[in-house]
Amino acid sequence: MSLLSCERGTDVCIYGGSSACVTAAYSAAHEGCKVVIICPDKTIGGMTTGGLGQTDIGNKQAVIGVARQFYRKLGTHYGKLEQWLFEPHVAEEILMEYLDTPEIKLMQGWYPDSVEKDGNRIKSITCTDRNSNTTHQSQTVHRLFLRG
């Protein structure tokens, strides 16, 4: 078992791998947080990368922030300003780029086994890597801090 911690702890721990999880991790890291994503799935991006390659939108001006940035990155791939209809594998490549930062640790294919709490506060989460067919590695996300 190994410990995932840093001197100041893990600021944000996210369970899941949807595009919302990726966006939350990217935004938190951009604000200086240390982030761990525990993703039980083999792919990142949820429906966005799982085959839903079109965005239902009425008013495109209502889409701002990281979401708008995502559609502009799609546009760059397709040679346009923005792209609202896309191939799921292209969306996955872009979402993985958002996670390519030292502040974000992606634990893909990992499942939580136990949680240590102090009252209502989560102190640590122990997870197992289910990617390996022979031995299951465990890691603990330690020293979770909440900013207040």
Protein backbone atom coordinates (compact mmCIF):
# COMPACT_ATOMS: atom_id res chain seq x y z
CA MET A 1 0.00 0.00 0.00
CA SER A 2 1.25 3.47 -0.79
CA LEU A 3 0.08 6.87 0.32
CA LEU A 4 -0.95 9.62 -2.05
CA SER A 5 -0.27 12.77 -0.15
CA CYS A 6 1.71 15.92 -0.33
CA GLU A 7 3.00 18.21 2.38
CA ARG A 8 -0.23 20.16 2.43
CA GLY A 9 -2.47 17.17 1.64
CA THR A 10 -4.96 16.56 -1.12
CA ASP A 11 -7.25 19.54 -1.47
CA VAL A 12 -9.87 17.94 -3.71
CA CYS A 13 -10.76 14.28 -4.21
CA ILE A 14 -13.25 13.56 -7.01
CA TYR A 15 -14.98 10.24 -7.54
CA GLY A 16 -16.04 9.57 -11.13
CA GLY A 17 -14.80 10.26 -14.61
CA SER A 18 -17.51 12.26 -16.35
CA SER A 19 -16.73 15.45 -18.25
CA ALA A 20 -18.05 17.32 -15.19
CA CYS A 21 -15.45 15.54 -13.02
CA VAL A 22 -12.69 16.49 -15.46
CA THR A 23 -13.88 20.10 -15.54
CA ALA A 24 -14.01 20.24 -11.73
CA ALA A 25 -10.49 18.80 -11.44
CA TYR A 26 -9.10 21.18 -14.05
CA SER A 27 -10.76 24.20 -12.42
CA ALA A 28 -9.54 23.24 -8.93
CA ALA A 29 -5.98 22.66 -10.18
CA HIS A 30 -6.10 25.99 -12.01
CA GLU A 31 -6.86 27.60 -8.63
CA GLY A 32 -3.81 25.94 -7.05
CA CYS A 33 -5.38 22.82 -5.52
CA LYS A 34 -3.88 19.34 -5.45
CA VAL A 35 -6.51 17.06 -7.01
CA VAL A 36 -7.03 13.30 -7.10
CA ILE A 37 -9.65 11.75 -9.39
CA ILE A 38 -10.73 8.23 -8.47
CA CYS A 39 -12.31 6.96 -11.68
CA PRO A 40 -13.69 3.41 -11.74
CA ASP A 41 -14.23 3.54 -15.51
CA LYS A 42 -11.71 2.59 -18.19
CA THR A 43 -12.44 5.79 -20.10
CA ILE A 44 -12.70 9.41 -19.06
CA GLY A 45 -15.51 11.73 -20.13
CA GLY A 46 -18.76 9.83 -19.51
CA MET A 47 -21.37 10.36 -22.21
CA THR A 48 -19.21 12.94 -23.98
CA THR A 49 -16.62 10.30 -24.89
CA GLY A 50 -18.94 7.29 -24.78
CA GLY A 51 -20.77 8.06 -28.01
CA LEU A 52 -22.80 11.22 -27.44
CA GLY A 53 -20.93 13.40 -29.92
CA GLN A 54 -23.44 16.19 -30.30
CA THR A 55 -24.38 18.98 -27.96
CA ASP A 56 -28.02 19.97 -27.60
CA ILE A 57 -27.89 23.71 -27.27
CA GLY A 58 -30.29 26.53 -27.90
CA ASN A 59 -28.30 29.60 -26.95
CA LYS A 60 -24.57 29.04 -27.50
CA GLN A 61 -23.84 32.38 -25.80
CA ALA A 62 -25.01 30.82 -22.52
CA VAL A 63 -22.07 28.38 -22.60
CA ILE A 64 -19.09 30.03 -20.92
CA GLY A 65 -15.95 29.20 -18.96
CA VAL A 66 -14.26 25.81 -19.26
CA ALA A 67 -17.20 24.40 -21.23
CA ARG A 68 -16.82 27.07 -23.90
CA GLN A 69 -13.06 26.49 -23.90
CA PHE A 70 -13.73 22.77 -24.52
CA TYR A 71 -15.89 23.52 -27.60
CA ARG A 72 -13.22 25.89 -28.88
CA LYS A 73 -10.56 23.19 -28.49
CA LEU A 74 -12.83 20.88 -30.47
CA GLY A 75 -13.12 23.66 -33.05
CA THR A 76 -9.34 23.93 -33.29
CA HIS A 77 -9.16 20.20 -34.01
CA TYR A 78 -11.71 20.53 -36.82
CA GLY A 79 -10.32 23.82 -38.20
CA LYS A 80 -13.16 26.00 -36.88
CA LEU A 81 -13.67 28.51 -34.07
CA GLU A 82 -15.99 26.13 -32.16
CA GLN A 83 -17.40 22.68 -32.79
CA TRP A 84 -20.65 21.35 -31.29
CA LEU A 85 -20.77 18.05 -33.24
CA PHE A 86 -17.71 15.87 -32.65
CA GLU A 87 -16.19 12.42 -32.56
CA PRO A 88 -16.05 10.96 -29.03
CA HIS A 89 -12.37 9.99 -29.32
CA VAL A 90 -11.49 13.61 -30.11
CA ALA A 91 -13.39 14.74 -27.01
CA GLU A 92 -11.50 12.17 -24.92
CA GLU A 93 -8.13 13.44 -26.19
CA ILE A 94 -9.07 16.99 -25.23
CA LEU A 95 -10.35 15.97 -21.79
CA MET A 96 -7.13 14.04 -21.16
CA GLU A 97 -5.19 17.23 -22.02
CA TYR A 98 -7.09 18.99 -19.20
CA LEU A 99 -5.80 16.34 -16.79
CA ASP A 100 -2.18 16.57 -17.98
CA THR A 101 -0.88 18.64 -15.08
CA PRO A 102 1.22 17.75 -12.03
CA GLU A 103 -1.57 19.06 -9.78
CA ILE A 104 -3.96 16.32 -10.95
CA LYS A 105 -3.49 12.61 -10.18
CA LEU A 106 -5.82 10.37 -12.22
CA MET A 107 -6.50 6.95 -10.70
CA GLN A 108 -8.30 5.33 -13.63
CA GLY A 109 -9.77 1.88 -13.03
CA TRP A 110 -9.63 2.28 -9.25
CA TYR A 111 -12.47 1.59 -6.81
CA PRO A 112 -12.88 2.85 -3.25
CA ASP A 113 -12.61 0.12 -0.59
CA SER A 114 -12.78 2.07 2.65
CA VAL A 115 -13.12 5.56 4.03
CA GLU A 116 -11.63 6.86 7.27
CA LYS A 117 -13.66 9.64 8.83
CA ASP A 118 -13.30 12.01 11.75
CA GLY A 119 -16.90 12.95 12.52
CA ASN A 120 -18.33 14.21 9.24
CA ARG A 121 -14.89 14.89 7.75
CA ILE A 122 -13.26 12.37 5.40
CA LYS A 123 -9.62 11.87 6.44
CA SER A 124 -8.61 9.28 3.84
CA ILE A 125 -9.96 6.99 1.13
CA THR A 126 -8.33 3.64 0.35
CA CYS A 127 -8.79 2.37 -3.22
CA THR A 128 -7.91 -0.77 -5.15
CA ASP A 129 -6.64 -0.92 -8.73
CA ARG A 130 -8.91 -3.30 -10.61
CA ASN A 131 -6.92 -2.99 -13.85
CA SER A 132 -4.55 -5.78 -12.90
CA ASN A 133 -5.82 -9.34 -13.35
CA THR A 134 -3.39 -10.83 -10.87
CA THR A 135 -2.67 -8.60 -7.90
CA HIS A 136 -4.78 -5.70 -6.80
CA GLN A 137 -2.72 -2.72 -5.63
CA SER A 138 -4.13 -0.45 -2.97
CA GLN A 139 -3.46 3.23 -2.44
CA THR A 140 -4.72 5.64 0.15
CA VAL A 141 -5.60 9.23 -0.59
CA HIS A 142 -4.50 10.81 2.68
CA ARG A 143 -4.83 14.15 4.44
CA LEU A 144 -7.86 15.46 2.62
CA PHE A 145 -8.36 19.10 3.45
CA LEU A 146 -11.36 21.29 2.84
CA ARG A 147 -10.78 24.96 2.23
CA GLY A 148 -13.13 27.20 4.08
